[in-house]
Amino acid sequence: QVQVAESGGGLVQPGGSLSLSCVVSGRFFSLGEMGWYRRPTGKQREMIASINGGRTNYADSVKDRFTISRDNAKSTVYLQMNNLKPEDTAVYFCNAVVWTSKDSGLDAWGQGTLVTVSS
């Protein structure tokens, strides 16, 4: 069984920074692409950053403010968020492609962590 757990959400003032972490645990063969999504209240979930190998991808709304990174040895993906804005307020979700064998994989999601940007 695979588990995905995010941490690091909270309340921050506009212009501030926050760092999120996501750990994948359980029995699996390897991890593929990992990413961060968010769902603002009343809106649909959107992809904001992903990382696969050495390649990263960002939504325009967070480019140059957020940085995604991963530590494969720790099965962990991070999201460093700088210059936060009120519109960044959302529940942030971690996603990982988890290979349970060489030929079989699944799309795993965390429960989400709330980030609130407010003065």
C-alpha atoms as a PDB file:
ATOM      1  CA  GLN A   1       0.000   0.000   0.000  1.00  0.00           C
ATOM      2  CA  VAL A   2       1.282   3.411  -0.957  1.00  0.00           C
ATOM      3  CA  GLN A   3       0.696   6.543   1.093  1.00  0.00           C
ATOM      4  CA  VAL A   4       1.286  10.153   0.166  1.00  0.00           C
ATOM      5  CA  ALA A   5       1.499  12.754   2.910  1.00  0.00           C
ATOM      6  CA  GLU A   6       1.899  16.503   2.562  1.00  0.00           C
ATOM      7  CA  SER A   7       3.078  18.851   5.282  1.00  0.00           C
ATOM      8  CA  GLY A   8       4.027  22.481   5.715  1.00  0.00           C
ATOM      9  CA  GLY A   9       0.822  24.367   5.041  1.00  0.00           C
ATOM     10  CA  GLY A  10      -0.334  27.236   7.188  1.00  0.00           C
ATOM     11  CA  LEU A  11      -1.046  30.949   7.381  1.00  0.00           C
ATOM     12  CA  VAL A  12       1.388  33.429   5.885  1.00  0.00           C
ATOM     13  CA  GLN A  13       1.266  37.135   5.129  1.00  0.00           C
ATOM     14  CA  PRO A  14       1.368  38.446   1.551  1.00  0.00           C
ATOM     15  CA  GLY A  15       4.944  38.600   0.348  1.00  0.00           C
ATOM     16  CA  GLY A  16       5.980  35.840   2.701  1.00  0.00           C
ATOM     17  CA  SER A  17       7.362  32.363   2.042  1.00  0.00           C
ATOM     18  CA  LEU A  18       6.307  28.848   2.851  1.00  0.00           C
ATOM     19  CA  SER A  19       7.750  25.441   2.106  1.00  0.00           C
ATOM     20  CA  LEU A  20       5.713  22.294   1.497  1.00  0.00           C
ATOM     21  CA  SER A  21       6.948  18.733   1.677  1.00  0.00           C
ATOM     22  CA  CYS A  22       5.446  15.496   0.427  1.00  0.00           C
ATOM     23  CA  VAL A  23       6.636  12.017   1.324  1.00  0.00           C
ATOM     24  CA  VAL A  24       5.653   8.845  -0.502  1.00  0.00           C
ATOM     25  CA  SER A  25       5.809   5.758   1.697  1.00  0.00           C
ATOM     26  CA  GLY A  26       4.990   2.073   1.413  1.00  0.00           C
ATOM     27  CA  ARG A  27       6.170  -0.623  -0.945  1.00  0.00           C
ATOM     28  CA  PHE A  28       6.879   0.421  -4.520  1.00  0.00           C
ATOM     29  CA  PHE A  29       9.401  -0.133  -7.273  1.00  0.00           C
ATOM     30  CA  SER A  30      10.164   3.483  -8.160  1.00  0.00           C
ATOM     31  CA  LEU A  31       8.684   6.951  -8.477  1.00  0.00           C
ATOM     32  CA  GLY A  32       7.997   8.718 -11.726  1.00  0.00           C
ATOM     33  CA  GLU A  33       6.788  12.237 -12.199  1.00  0.00           C
ATOM     34  CA  MET A  34       5.860  14.106  -9.032  1.00  0.00           C
ATOM     35  CA  GLY A  35       3.925  17.300  -8.829  1.00  0.00           C
ATOM     36  CA  TRP A  36       1.964  19.826  -6.860  1.00  0.00           C
ATOM     37  CA  TYR A  37      -1.600  20.862  -7.553  1.00  0.00           C
ATOM     38  CA  ARG A  38      -3.882  23.276  -5.786  1.00  0.00           C
ATOM     39  CA  ARG A  39      -7.589  23.886  -5.466  1.00  0.00           C
ATOM     40  CA  PRO A  40      -8.732  27.360  -4.452  1.00  0.00           C
ATOM     41  CA  THR A  41     -12.101  27.518  -2.724  1.00  0.00           C
ATOM     42  CA  GLY A  42     -14.865  27.202  -5.278  1.00  0.00           C
ATOM     43  CA  LYS A  43     -12.503  26.517  -8.149  1.00  0.00           C
ATOM     44  CA  GLN A  44     -11.127  23.474  -9.911  1.00  0.00           C
ATOM     45  CA  ARG A  45      -7.862  21.828  -9.096  1.00  0.00           C
ATOM     46  CA  GLU A  46      -4.928  23.044 -11.186  1.00  0.00           C
ATOM     47  CA  MET A  47      -1.400  21.792 -11.735  1.00  0.00           C
ATOM     48  CA  ILE A  48       1.151  24.316 -10.532  1.00  0.00           C
ATOM     49  CA  ALA A  49       4.476  22.471 -10.672  1.00  0.00           C
ATOM     50  CA  SER A  50       5.868  19.117 -11.717  1.00  0.00           C
ATOM     51  CA  ILE A  51       9.248  17.430 -11.799  1.00  0.00           C
ATOM     52  CA  ASN A  52      10.446  14.381 -13.689  1.00  0.00           C
ATOM     53  CA  GLY A  53      14.099  13.556 -13.850  1.00  0.00           C
ATOM     54  CA  GLY A  54      15.821  16.861 -14.256  1.00  0.00           C
ATOM     55  CA  ARG A  55      12.895  18.569 -15.937  1.00  0.00           C
ATOM     56  CA  THR A  56      10.544  20.941 -14.173  1.00  0.00           C
ATOM     57  CA  ASN A  57       7.344  22.551 -15.329  1.00  0.00           C
ATOM     58  CA  TYR A  58       5.408  25.436 -13.783  1.00  0.00           C
ATOM     59  CA  ALA A  59       2.078  27.106 -14.253  1.00  0.00           C
ATOM     60  CA  ASP A  60       2.423  30.701 -15.419  1.00  0.00           C
ATOM     61  CA  SER A  61       0.750  31.902 -12.223  1.00  0.00           C
ATOM     62  CA  VAL A  62       3.609  30.636 -10.040  1.00  0.00           C
ATOM     63  CA  LYS A  63       6.596  30.775 -12.381  1.00  0.00           C
ATOM     64  CA  ASP A  64       9.567  32.650 -10.889  1.00  0.00           C
ATOM     65  CA  ARG A  65       7.978  32.495  -7.417  1.00  0.00           C
ATOM     66  CA  PHE A  66       7.696  28.781  -6.695  1.00  0.00           C
ATOM     67  CA  THR A  67      10.419  26.136  -6.955  1.00  0.00           C
ATOM     68  CA  ILE A  68       9.844  22.404  -7.051  1.00  0.00           C
ATOM     69  CA  SER A  69      12.559  19.923  -6.111  1.00  0.00           C
ATOM     70  CA  ARG A  70      12.821  16.295  -5.097  1.00  0.00           C
ATOM     71  CA  ASP A  71      15.008  13.972  -3.084  1.00  0.00           C
ATOM     72  CA  ASN A  72      14.704  10.523  -4.608  1.00  0.00           C
ATOM     73  CA  ALA A  73      16.542   8.879  -1.727  1.00  0.00           C
ATOM     74  CA  LYS A  74      13.854  10.165   0.630  1.00  0.00           C
ATOM     75  CA  SER A  75      10.948   9.705  -1.813  1.00  0.00           C
ATOM     76  CA  THR A  76      10.132  13.328  -1.153  1.00  0.00           C
ATOM     77  CA  VAL A  77       9.111  16.280  -3.269  1.00  0.00           C
ATOM     78  CA  TYR A  78       9.258  19.863  -2.070  1.00  0.00           C
ATOM     79  CA  LEU A  79       7.645  23.120  -3.064  1.00  0.00           C
ATOM     80  CA  GLN A  80       9.306  26.362  -2.028  1.00  0.00           C
ATOM     81  CA  MET A  81       6.844  29.220  -2.330  1.00  0.00           C
ATOM     82  CA  ASN A  82       8.091  32.804  -2.257  1.00  0.00           C
ATOM     83  CA  ASN A  83       6.399  36.162  -2.641  1.00  0.00           C
ATOM     84  CA  LEU A  84       3.066  34.619  -1.803  1.00  0.00           C
ATOM     85  CA  LYS A  85      -0.108  36.404  -2.843  1.00  0.00           C
ATOM     86  CA  PRO A  86      -3.668  36.162  -1.511  1.00  0.00           C
ATOM     87  CA  GLU A  87      -4.655  34.385  -4.734  1.00  0.00           C
ATOM     88  CA  ASP A  88      -2.261  31.566  -3.796  1.00  0.00           C
ATOM     89  CA  THR A  89      -4.663  30.618  -1.007  1.00  0.00           C
ATOM     90  CA  ALA A  90      -5.773  27.045  -1.689  1.00  0.00           C
ATOM     91  CA  VAL A  91      -5.549  23.454  -0.623  1.00  0.00           C
ATOM     92  CA  TYR A  92      -2.310  22.102  -2.039  1.00  0.00           C
ATOM     93  CA  PHE A  93      -2.095  18.483  -3.124  1.00  0.00           C
ATOM     94  CA  CYS A  94       0.871  16.286  -3.889  1.00  0.00           C
ATOM     95  CA  ASN A  95       0.724  13.830  -6.758  1.00  0.00           C
ATOM     96  CA  ALA A  96       3.117  11.050  -7.657  1.00  0.00           C
ATOM     97  CA  VAL A  97       3.299   8.416 -10.348  1.00  0.00           C
ATOM     98  CA  VAL A  98       4.199   5.328  -8.331  1.00  0.00           C
ATOM     99  CA  TRP A  99       5.548   2.294 -10.126  1.00  0.00           C
ATOM    100  CA  THR A 100       4.583  -0.765  -8.106  1.00  0.00           C
ATOM    101  CA  SER A 101       6.518  -2.974 -10.511  1.00  0.00           C
ATOM    102  CA  LYS A 102       8.456  -2.500 -13.738  1.00  0.00           C
ATOM    103  CA  ASP A 103       5.221  -2.670 -15.723  1.00  0.00           C
ATOM    104  CA  SER A 104       2.538  -1.422 -13.363  1.00  0.00           C
ATOM    105  CA  GLY A 105       1.969   1.980 -11.856  1.00  0.00           C
ATOM    106  CA  LEU A 106      -0.639   4.089 -10.182  1.00  0.00           C
ATOM    107  CA  ASP A 107      -1.465   7.736  -9.695  1.00  0.00           C
ATOM    108  CA  ALA A 108      -1.209   8.547  -5.988  1.00  0.00           C
ATOM    109  CA  TRP A 109      -2.572  11.637  -4.247  1.00  0.00           C
ATOM    110  CA  GLY A 110      -2.157  13.127  -0.821  1.00  0.00           C
ATOM    111  CA  GLN A 111      -4.991  14.452   1.335  1.00  0.00           C
ATOM    112  CA  GLY A 112      -3.939  18.058   0.830  1.00  0.00           C
ATOM    113  CA  THR A 113      -2.601  20.825   3.028  1.00  0.00           C
ATOM    114  CA  LEU A 114      -4.165  24.266   3.370  1.00  0.00           C
ATOM    115  CA  VAL A 115      -2.161  27.367   2.528  1.00  0.00           C
ATOM    116  CA  THR A 116      -3.722  30.683   3.485  1.00  0.00           C
ATOM    117  CA  VAL A 117      -2.169  33.965   2.414  1.00  0.00           C
ATOM    118  CA  SER A 118      -3.688  36.823   4.338  1.00  0.00           C
ATOM    119  CA  SER A 119      -2.737  39.861   6.365  1.00  0.00           C
END
